[in-house]
Amino acid sequence: MQKSTWNKALKSSTNRITILLVAIAMMAFVAQQKKVTIWMIGDSTMANKSKKTFPETGWGMEFGKYFDNTVSIQNKAINGRSTKSFINEKRWDSVMENLKAGDYVFIEFGHNDEKIDKPAVGTSIPEFKSNLAKFVLEARAKGGIPVLLTPVTRRTFKNGVLTDSHGKYPAATISVADSLHVPMIDLLEKSKKYVISLGDEPSKQLYNYVDSGNVNYPNGKRDDTHFSPTGANKMAGLAVEGIKELKLDLAKRLIKN
């Protein structure tokens, strides 16, 4: 083969390889940029809040800031709901109608399921587990990726010691996660450790404690269940910590600090 012919062949081959590499890179970029939605279902500790209740903030409101623009947050958590009422009010049906394969479903209940004296929301432990299993199995049937979370801690200090207020419901969540092999973030344990590390008085900064004279709380507010913006951001950060520990693919979409 003459030198000029060889050079032409080599150049042509190089061009084809370059084009192929560019195509592969573009395909990888498109795949990486494919958007995913995180559906959030739960109660008031996670829910979006109105301006008239500020500074009360659900941790789901802060969750999205940790992700890049390939992640969309659909926070369907709502005040006062349990697994039972979320299902009975057809709120779960609405999520299922819009859930796409590859979407995540973050599931955090317990605060209201515990209220067994209120038939509209209270659930027995077997019913609670059955409802969680329903969320998991139905989400999976549509190609979704469920993630269970234990309920965040209340600020229930007695004589300087943080006491339990969730009974057997967190253990029930862990049990469902184990039996159905569901990724699980123990948000109760993580939030308890952080609140304890701050201590009784300092931990008030995480919760909706408001002095009198506030436009939304003229008489002030002392709320040991719901969060301030600082607390909501911290709880969202603890959930993100759990995502990293589980090594979920979702972790690749976190904003690098």
C-alpha atoms as a PDB file:
ATOM      1  CA  MET A   1       0.000   0.000   0.000  1.00  0.00           C
ATOM      2  CA  GLN A   2       1.378   3.419  -0.974  1.00  0.00           C
ATOM      3  CA  LYS A   3       2.116   5.847   1.814  1.00  0.00           C
ATOM      4  CA  SER A   4      -0.563   8.344   0.711  1.00  0.00           C
ATOM      5  CA  THR A   5      -3.206   5.591   0.548  1.00  0.00           C
ATOM      6  CA  TRP A   6      -2.152   4.337   3.972  1.00  0.00           C
ATOM      7  CA  ASN A   7      -2.411   7.842   5.436  1.00  0.00           C
ATOM      8  CA  LYS A   8      -5.890   8.265   3.972  1.00  0.00           C
ATOM      9  CA  ALA A   9      -7.019   4.944   5.401  1.00  0.00           C
ATOM     10  CA  LEU A  10      -5.544   5.780   8.784  1.00  0.00           C
ATOM     11  CA  LYS A  11      -7.177   9.207   8.766  1.00  0.00           C
ATOM     12  CA  SER A  12     -10.539   7.698   7.805  1.00  0.00           C
ATOM     13  CA  SER A  13     -10.262   5.099  10.567  1.00  0.00           C
ATOM     14  CA  THR A  14      -9.292   7.755  13.100  1.00  0.00           C
ATOM     15  CA  ASN A  15     -12.278   9.879  12.099  1.00  0.00           C
ATOM     16  CA  ARG A  16     -14.623   6.944  12.517  1.00  0.00           C
ATOM     17  CA  ILE A  17     -13.213   6.205  15.965  1.00  0.00           C
ATOM     18  CA  THR A  18     -13.532   9.864  16.948  1.00  0.00           C
ATOM     19  CA  ILE A  19     -17.137   9.977  15.799  1.00  0.00           C
ATOM     20  CA  LEU A  20     -17.869   6.763  17.681  1.00  0.00           C
ATOM     21  CA  LEU A  21     -16.290   8.088  20.878  1.00  0.00           C
ATOM     22  CA  VAL A  22     -18.237  11.348  20.598  1.00  0.00           C
ATOM     23  CA  ALA A  23     -21.461   9.394  20.079  1.00  0.00           C
ATOM     24  CA  ILE A  24     -20.751   7.228  23.124  1.00  0.00           C
ATOM     25  CA  ALA A  25     -19.976  10.296  25.211  1.00  0.00           C
ATOM     26  CA  MET A  26     -23.185  11.973  24.083  1.00  0.00           C
ATOM     27  CA  MET A  27     -25.211   8.863  24.896  1.00  0.00           C
ATOM     28  CA  ALA A  28     -23.632   8.690  28.352  1.00  0.00           C
ATOM     29  CA  PHE A  29     -24.361  12.386  28.887  1.00  0.00           C
ATOM     30  CA  VAL A  30     -28.008  11.959  27.883  1.00  0.00           C
ATOM     31  CA  ALA A  31     -28.348   8.928  30.173  1.00  0.00           C
ATOM     32  CA  GLN A  32     -26.750  10.844  33.021  1.00  0.00           C
ATOM     33  CA  GLN A  33     -29.060  13.794  32.430  1.00  0.00           C
ATOM     34  CA  LYS A  34     -32.231  11.689  32.438  1.00  0.00           C
ATOM     35  CA  LYS A  35     -34.493  13.269  35.000  1.00  0.00           C
ATOM     36  CA  VAL A  36     -35.844  11.375  37.964  1.00  0.00           C
ATOM     37  CA  THR A  37     -38.582  12.311  40.400  1.00  0.00           C
ATOM     38  CA  ILE A  38     -38.521  11.761  44.151  1.00  0.00           C
ATOM     39  CA  TRP A  39     -42.055  11.332  45.472  1.00  0.00           C
ATOM     40  CA  MET A  40     -42.315  12.096  49.173  1.00  0.00           C
ATOM     41  CA  ILE A  41     -45.207  10.743  51.218  1.00  0.00           C
ATOM     42  CA  GLY A  42     -45.610  11.319  54.917  1.00  0.00           C
ATOM     43  CA  ASP A  43     -46.936  13.686  57.555  1.00  0.00           C
ATOM     44  CA  SER A  44     -46.453  17.250  58.777  1.00  0.00           C
ATOM     45  CA  THR A  45     -42.798  16.776  59.687  1.00  0.00           C
ATOM     46  CA  MET A  46     -42.056  16.297  55.971  1.00  0.00           C
ATOM     47  CA  ALA A  47     -44.815  18.402  54.376  1.00  0.00           C
ATOM     48  CA  ASN A  48     -44.700  21.721  52.537  1.00  0.00           C
ATOM     49  CA  LYS A  49     -45.951  24.594  54.703  1.00  0.00           C
ATOM     50  CA  SER A  50     -47.865  27.757  53.919  1.00  0.00           C
ATOM     51  CA  LYS A  51     -46.546  31.252  54.578  1.00  0.00           C
ATOM     52  CA  LYS A  52     -49.031  31.715  57.402  1.00  0.00           C
ATOM     53  CA  THR A  53     -47.297  29.002  59.456  1.00  0.00           C
ATOM     54  CA  PHE A  54     -43.712  30.217  58.892  1.00  0.00           C
ATOM     55  CA  PRO A  55     -41.161  29.631  60.406  1.00  0.00           C
ATOM     56  CA  GLU A  56     -42.570  26.073  60.662  1.00  0.00           C
ATOM     57  CA  THR A  57     -40.837  24.119  57.892  1.00  0.00           C
ATOM     58  CA  GLY A  58     -41.182  20.507  56.749  1.00  0.00           C
ATOM     59  CA  TRP A  59     -37.903  18.784  56.014  1.00  0.00           C
ATOM     60  CA  GLY A  60     -39.194  17.864  52.560  1.00  0.00           C
ATOM     61  CA  MET A  61     -39.087  21.568  51.699  1.00  0.00           C
ATOM     62  CA  GLU A  62     -35.314  21.574  52.186  1.00  0.00           C
ATOM     63  CA  PHE A  63     -34.596  18.208  50.564  1.00  0.00           C
ATOM     64  CA  GLY A  64     -34.426  19.387  46.957  1.00  0.00           C
ATOM     65  CA  LYS A  65     -31.522  21.790  47.536  1.00  0.00           C
ATOM     66  CA  TYR A  66     -29.174  18.830  47.953  1.00  0.00           C
ATOM     67  CA  PHE A  67     -29.731  17.542  44.401  1.00  0.00           C
ATOM     68  CA  ASP A  68     -28.718  18.680  40.930  1.00  0.00           C
ATOM     69  CA  ASN A  69     -31.197  19.744  38.259  1.00  0.00           C
ATOM     70  CA  THR A  70     -31.815  16.184  37.082  1.00  0.00           C
ATOM     71  CA  VAL A  71     -33.932  15.571  40.200  1.00  0.00           C
ATOM     72  CA  SER A  72     -37.485  16.793  40.671  1.00  0.00           C
ATOM     73  CA  ILE A  73     -39.132  16.739  44.108  1.00  0.00           C
ATOM     74  CA  GLN A  74     -42.834  15.988  44.421  1.00  0.00           C
ATOM     75  CA  ASN A  75     -43.591  16.451  48.106  1.00  0.00           C
ATOM     76  CA  LYS A  76     -47.029  14.912  48.703  1.00  0.00           C
ATOM     77  CA  ALA A  77     -46.679  14.693  52.473  1.00  0.00           C
ATOM     78  CA  ILE A  78     -49.453  16.482  54.317  1.00  0.00           C
ATOM     79  CA  ASN A  79     -50.219  17.529  57.868  1.00  0.00           C
ATOM     80  CA  GLY A  80     -52.011  15.084  60.115  1.00  0.00           C
ATOM     81  CA  ARG A  81     -51.879  12.078  57.834  1.00  0.00           C
ATOM     82  CA  SER A  82     -51.112   8.487  58.680  1.00  0.00           C
ATOM     83  CA  THR A  83     -50.616   5.534  56.365  1.00  0.00           C
ATOM     84  CA  LYS A  84     -54.345   4.856  56.761  1.00  0.00           C
ATOM     85  CA  SER A  85     -55.656   8.332  55.966  1.00  0.00           C
ATOM     86  CA  PHE A  86     -53.129   8.815  53.145  1.00  0.00           C
ATOM     87  CA  ILE A  87     -54.585   5.722  51.490  1.00  0.00           C
ATOM     88  CA  ASN A  88     -58.238   6.370  52.350  1.00  0.00           C
ATOM     89  CA  GLU A  89     -58.109   9.923  50.997  1.00  0.00           C
ATOM     90  CA  LYS A  90     -56.815   8.571  47.658  1.00  0.00           C
ATOM     91  CA  ARG A  91     -53.559  10.483  48.018  1.00  0.00           C
ATOM     92  CA  TRP A  92     -51.579   7.332  47.323  1.00  0.00           C
ATOM     93  CA  ASP A  93     -53.684   6.699  44.213  1.00  0.00           C
ATOM     94  CA  SER A  94     -52.650  10.123  42.936  1.00  0.00           C
ATOM     95  CA  VAL A  95     -48.961   9.286  43.408  1.00  0.00           C
ATOM     96  CA  MET A  96     -49.374   5.931  41.652  1.00  0.00           C
ATOM     97  CA  GLU A  97     -51.089   7.553  38.672  1.00  0.00           C
ATOM     98  CA  ASN A  98     -48.023   9.692  38.037  1.00  0.00           C
ATOM     99  CA  LEU A  99     -45.168   7.474  39.206  1.00  0.00           C
ATOM    100  CA  LYS A 100     -42.729   6.501  36.432  1.00  0.00           C
ATOM    101  CA  ALA A 101     -40.234   3.651  36.262  1.00  0.00           C
ATOM    102  CA  GLY A 102     -37.000   4.786  37.898  1.00  0.00           C
ATOM    103  CA  ASP A 103     -38.697   7.289  40.218  1.00  0.00           C
ATOM    104  CA  TYR A 104     -38.077   7.100  43.955  1.00  0.00           C
ATOM    105  CA  VAL A 105     -40.713   7.051  46.696  1.00  0.00           C
ATOM    106  CA  PHE A 106     -39.571   8.231  50.131  1.00  0.00           C
ATOM    107  CA  ILE A 107     -42.011   6.957  52.765  1.00  0.00           C
ATOM    108  CA  GLU A 108     -42.023   8.372  56.322  1.00  0.00           C
ATOM    109  CA  PHE A 109     -44.994   7.762  58.610  1.00  0.00           C
ATOM    110  CA  GLY A 110     -45.596   7.073  62.279  1.00  0.00           C
ATOM    111  CA  HIS A 111     -46.413  10.334  64.040  1.00  0.00           C
ATOM    112  CA  ASN A 112     -50.143  10.007  63.388  1.00  0.00           C
ATOM    113  CA  ASP A 113     -50.424   6.229  63.043  1.00  0.00           C
ATOM    114  CA  GLU A 114     -49.530   6.231  66.752  1.00  0.00           C
ATOM    115  CA  LYS A 115     -52.768   8.063  67.618  1.00  0.00           C
ATOM    116  CA  ILE A 116     -54.880   4.955  68.091  1.00  0.00           C
ATOM    117  CA  ASP A 117     -57.503   6.988  69.968  1.00  0.00           C
ATOM    118  CA  LYS A 118     -58.292   8.700  66.647  1.00  0.00           C
ATOM    119  CA  PRO A 119     -59.907   6.086  64.368  1.00  0.00           C
ATOM    120  CA  ALA A 120     -59.453   8.161  61.194  1.00  0.00           C
ATOM    121  CA  VAL A 121     -55.670   8.036  61.480  1.00  0.00           C
ATOM    122  CA  GLY A 122     -54.628   5.589  64.172  1.00  0.00           C
ATOM    123  CA  THR A 123     -53.390   2.177  63.058  1.00  0.00           C
ATOM    124  CA  SER A 124     -52.462  -0.989  64.853  1.00  0.00           C
ATOM    125  CA  ILE A 125     -48.932  -2.257  64.277  1.00  0.00           C
ATOM    126  CA  PRO A 126     -50.117  -5.025  61.901  1.00  0.00           C
ATOM    127  CA  GLU A 127     -52.174  -2.492  59.913  1.00  0.00           C
ATOM    128  CA  PHE A 128     -49.267  -0.050  59.836  1.00  0.00           C
ATOM    129  CA  LYS A 129     -46.956  -2.752  58.456  1.00  0.00           C
ATOM    130  CA  SER A 130     -49.568  -3.802  55.901  1.00  0.00           C
ATOM    131  CA  ASN A 131     -49.955  -0.229  54.680  1.00  0.00           C
ATOM    132  CA  LEU A 132     -46.188   0.257  54.353  1.00  0.00           C
ATOM    133  CA  ALA A 133     -45.976  -3.010  52.426  1.00  0.00           C
ATOM    134  CA  LYS A 134     -48.728  -1.753  50.100  1.00  0.00           C
ATOM    135  CA  PHE A 135     -46.716   1.386  49.302  1.00  0.00           C
ATOM    136  CA  VAL A 136     -43.581  -0.656  48.672  1.00  0.00           C
ATOM    137  CA  LEU A 137     -45.094  -3.396  46.526  1.00  0.00           C
ATOM    138  CA  GLU A 138     -47.283  -1.113  44.418  1.00  0.00           C
ATOM    139  CA  ALA A 139     -44.418   1.319  43.794  1.00  0.00           C
ATOM    140  CA  ARG A 140     -42.178  -1.568  42.729  1.00  0.00           C
ATOM    141  CA  ALA A 141     -44.886  -2.919  40.412  1.00  0.00           C
ATOM    142  CA  LYS A 142     -44.616   0.321  38.424  1.00  0.00           C
ATOM    143  CA  GLY A 143     -40.823   0.250  38.386  1.00  0.00           C
ATOM    144  CA  GLY A 144     -40.448   2.729  41.240  1.00  0.00           C
ATOM    145  CA  ILE A 145     -37.778   2.539  43.953  1.00  0.00           C
ATOM    146  CA  PRO A 146     -39.271   2.768  47.450  1.00  0.00           C
ATOM    147  CA  VAL A 147     -37.195   3.957  50.400  1.00  0.00           C
ATOM    148  CA  LEU A 148     -38.561   3.596  53.936  1.00  0.00           C
ATOM    149  CA  LEU A 149     -37.715   6.064  56.690  1.00  0.00           C
ATOM    150  CA  THR A 150     -38.415   5.828  60.394  1.00  0.00           C
ATOM    151  CA  PRO A 151     -40.178   8.926  61.807  1.00  0.00           C
ATOM    152  CA  VAL A 152     -38.036  11.831  62.968  1.00  0.00           C
ATOM    153  CA  THR A 153     -37.742  12.349  66.688  1.00  0.00           C
ATOM    154  CA  ARG A 154     -39.830  14.710  68.735  1.00  0.00           C
ATOM    155  CA  ARG A 155     -38.008  16.929  71.212  1.00  0.00           C
ATOM    156  CA  THR A 156     -39.232  15.050  74.277  1.00  0.00           C
ATOM    157  CA  PHE A 157     -36.707  15.782  77.014  1.00  0.00           C
ATOM    158  CA  LYS A 158     -37.453  14.759  80.586  1.00  0.00           C
ATOM    159  CA  ASN A 159     -34.920  15.754  83.238  1.00  0.00           C
ATOM    160  CA  GLY A 160     -32.393  16.368  80.470  1.00  0.00           C
ATOM    161  CA  VAL A 161     -32.908  12.963  78.835  1.00  0.00           C
ATOM    162  CA  LEU A 162     -34.494  12.552  75.396  1.00  0.00           C
ATOM    163  CA  THR A 163     -37.306  10.022  75.732  1.00  0.00           C
ATOM    164  CA  ASP A 164     -38.997   7.835  73.139  1.00  0.00           C
ATOM    165  CA  SER A 165     -42.389   8.943  71.814  1.00  0.00           C
ATOM    166  CA  HIS A 166     -42.951   6.645  68.824  1.00  0.00           C
ATOM    167  CA  GLY A 167     -43.502   3.313  70.542  1.00  0.00           C
ATOM    168  CA  LYS A 168     -43.265   0.259  68.278  1.00  0.00           C
ATOM    169  CA  TYR A 169     -43.831   2.074  64.983  1.00  0.00           C
ATOM    170  CA  PRO A 170     -40.167   2.662  64.069  1.00  0.00           C
ATOM    171  CA  ALA A 171     -39.394  -1.020  64.733  1.00  0.00           C
ATOM    172  CA  ALA A 172     -42.354  -1.945  62.516  1.00  0.00           C
ATOM    173  CA  THR A 173     -40.883   0.172  59.700  1.00  0.00           C
ATOM    174  CA  ILE A 174     -37.528  -1.569  60.100  1.00  0.00           C
ATOM    175  CA  SER A 175     -39.271  -4.950  60.080  1.00  0.00           C
ATOM    176  CA  VAL A 176     -41.020  -4.198  56.763  1.00  0.00           C
ATOM    177  CA  ALA A 177     -37.748  -2.971  55.283  1.00  0.00           C
ATOM    178  CA  ASP A 178     -36.014  -6.177  56.326  1.00  0.00           C
ATOM    179  CA  SER A 179     -38.731  -8.555  55.131  1.00  0.00           C
ATOM    180  CA  LEU A 180     -39.210  -6.863  51.752  1.00  0.00           C
ATOM    181  CA  HIS A 181     -35.530  -5.911  51.267  1.00  0.00           C
ATOM    182  CA  VAL A 182     -36.301  -2.199  51.039  1.00  0.00           C
ATOM    183  CA  PRO A 183     -33.611   0.481  51.406  1.00  0.00           C
ATOM    184  CA  MET A 184     -34.219   2.030  54.821  1.00  0.00           C
ATOM    185  CA  ILE A 185     -32.977   5.233  56.448  1.00  0.00           C
ATOM    186  CA  ASP A 186     -33.261   5.210  60.237  1.00  0.00           C
ATOM    187  CA  LEU A 187     -34.114   8.887  60.475  1.00  0.00           C
ATOM    188  CA  LEU A 188     -35.327   8.435  64.052  1.00  0.00           C
ATOM    189  CA  GLU A 189     -31.953   7.209  65.230  1.00  0.00           C
ATOM    190  CA  LYS A 190     -30.069   9.835  63.251  1.00  0.00           C
ATOM    191  CA  SER A 191     -32.258  12.693  64.478  1.00  0.00           C
ATOM    192  CA  LYS A 192     -32.163  11.436  68.081  1.00  0.00           C
ATOM    193  CA  LYS A 193     -28.377  11.359  68.070  1.00  0.00           C
ATOM    194  CA  TYR A 194     -28.200  14.889  66.716  1.00  0.00           C
ATOM    195  CA  VAL A 195     -30.775  16.310  69.139  1.00  0.00           C
ATOM    196  CA  ILE A 196     -29.015  14.609  72.063  1.00  0.00           C
ATOM    197  CA  SER A 197     -25.669  16.005  70.902  1.00  0.00           C
ATOM    198  CA  LEU A 198     -27.101  19.522  71.148  1.00  0.00           C
ATOM    199  CA  GLY A 199     -28.863  18.997  74.454  1.00  0.00           C
ATOM    200  CA  ASP A 200     -32.180  20.126  75.905  1.00  0.00           C
ATOM    201  CA  GLU A 201     -32.094  23.911  75.535  1.00  0.00           C
ATOM    202  CA  PRO A 202     -29.853  24.250  72.447  1.00  0.00           C
ATOM    203  CA  SER A 203     -31.984  21.753  70.497  1.00  0.00           C
ATOM    204  CA  LYS A 204     -34.912  24.182  70.582  1.00  0.00           C
ATOM    205  CA  GLN A 205     -33.297  25.923  67.607  1.00  0.00           C
ATOM    206  CA  LEU A 206     -34.278  22.898  65.479  1.00  0.00           C
ATOM    207  CA  TYR A 207     -37.967  23.130  66.323  1.00  0.00           C
ATOM    208  CA  ASN A 208     -40.723  25.665  65.861  1.00  0.00           C
ATOM    209  CA  TYR A 209     -40.022  27.830  68.892  1.00  0.00           C
ATOM    210  CA  VAL A 210     -41.174  31.390  68.262  1.00  0.00           C
ATOM    211  CA  ASP A 211     -41.189  34.395  70.570  1.00  0.00           C
ATOM    212  CA  SER A 212     -44.404  36.343  71.110  1.00  0.00           C
ATOM    213  CA  GLY A 213     -45.056  39.169  68.677  1.00  0.00           C
ATOM    214  CA  ASN A 214     -44.386  37.080  65.581  1.00  0.00           C
ATOM    215  CA  VAL A 215     -46.787  37.936  62.746  1.00  0.00           C
ATOM    216  CA  ASN A 216     -47.934  34.303  62.511  1.00  0.00           C
ATOM    217  CA  TYR A 217     -47.724  33.544  66.221  1.00  0.00           C
ATOM    218  CA  PRO A 218     -48.683  36.684  68.180  1.00  0.00           C
ATOM    219  CA  ASN A 219     -48.591  34.727  71.452  1.00  0.00           C
ATOM    220  CA  GLY A 220     -45.466  32.796  70.531  1.00  0.00           C
ATOM    221  CA  LYS A 221     -45.093  29.073  69.907  1.00  0.00           C
ATOM    222  CA  ARG A 222     -43.410  26.154  71.673  1.00  0.00           C
ATOM    223  CA  ASP A 223     -43.565  23.186  69.318  1.00  0.00           C
ATOM    224  CA  ASP A 224     -41.456  20.097  69.973  1.00  0.00           C
ATOM    225  CA  THR A 225     -42.641  18.189  66.888  1.00  0.00           C
ATOM    226  CA  HIS A 226     -42.333  20.503  63.883  1.00  0.00           C
ATOM    227  CA  PHE A 227     -39.176  22.125  62.622  1.00  0.00           C
ATOM    228  CA  SER A 228     -37.668  25.535  62.134  1.00  0.00           C
ATOM    229  CA  PRO A 229     -35.886  26.152  58.810  1.00  0.00           C
ATOM    230  CA  THR A 230     -32.635  25.207  60.571  1.00  0.00           C
ATOM    231  CA  GLY A 231     -34.101  21.955  61.864  1.00  0.00           C
ATOM    232  CA  ALA A 232     -35.756  21.067  58.566  1.00  0.00           C
ATOM    233  CA  ASN A 233     -32.488  21.569  56.717  1.00  0.00           C
ATOM    234  CA  LYS A 234     -30.658  19.389  59.226  1.00  0.00           C
ATOM    235  CA  MET A 235     -33.235  16.587  58.932  1.00  0.00           C
ATOM    236  CA  ALA A 236     -33.027  16.743  55.136  1.00  0.00           C
ATOM    237  CA  GLY A 237     -29.255  16.524  55.464  1.00  0.00           C
ATOM    238  CA  LEU A 238     -29.572  13.433  57.640  1.00  0.00           C
ATOM    239  CA  ALA A 239     -31.783  11.817  54.987  1.00  0.00           C
ATOM    240  CA  VAL A 240     -29.106  12.632  52.393  1.00  0.00           C
ATOM    241  CA  GLU A 241     -26.524  11.064  54.690  1.00  0.00           C
ATOM    242  CA  GLY A 242     -28.649   7.917  54.605  1.00  0.00           C
ATOM    243  CA  ILE A 243     -28.761   7.971  50.805  1.00  0.00           C
ATOM    244  CA  LYS A 244     -24.969   8.010  50.712  1.00  0.00           C
ATOM    245  CA  GLU A 245     -24.693   5.205  53.258  1.00  0.00           C
ATOM    246  CA  LEU A 246     -27.087   3.041  51.226  1.00  0.00           C
ATOM    247  CA  LYS A 247     -25.102   3.811  48.061  1.00  0.00           C
ATOM    248  CA  LEU A 248     -28.300   4.462  46.129  1.00  0.00           C
ATOM    249  CA  ASP A 249     -27.858   5.522  42.486  1.00  0.00           C
ATOM    250  CA  LEU A 250     -29.615   8.686  43.582  1.00  0.00           C
ATOM    251  CA  ALA A 251     -26.408   9.649  45.382  1.00  0.00           C
ATOM    252  CA  LYS A 252     -24.817  10.353  41.978  1.00  0.00           C
ATOM    253  CA  ARG A 253     -27.262  13.243  41.571  1.00  0.00           C
ATOM    254  CA  LEU A 254     -26.306  14.995  44.796  1.00  0.00           C
ATOM    255  CA  ILE A 255     -24.658  18.383  44.471  1.00  0.00           C
ATOM    256  CA  LYS A 256     -20.988  18.053  45.315  1.00  0.00           C
ATOM    257  CA  ASN A 257     -19.970  20.311  48.176  1.00  0.00           C
END
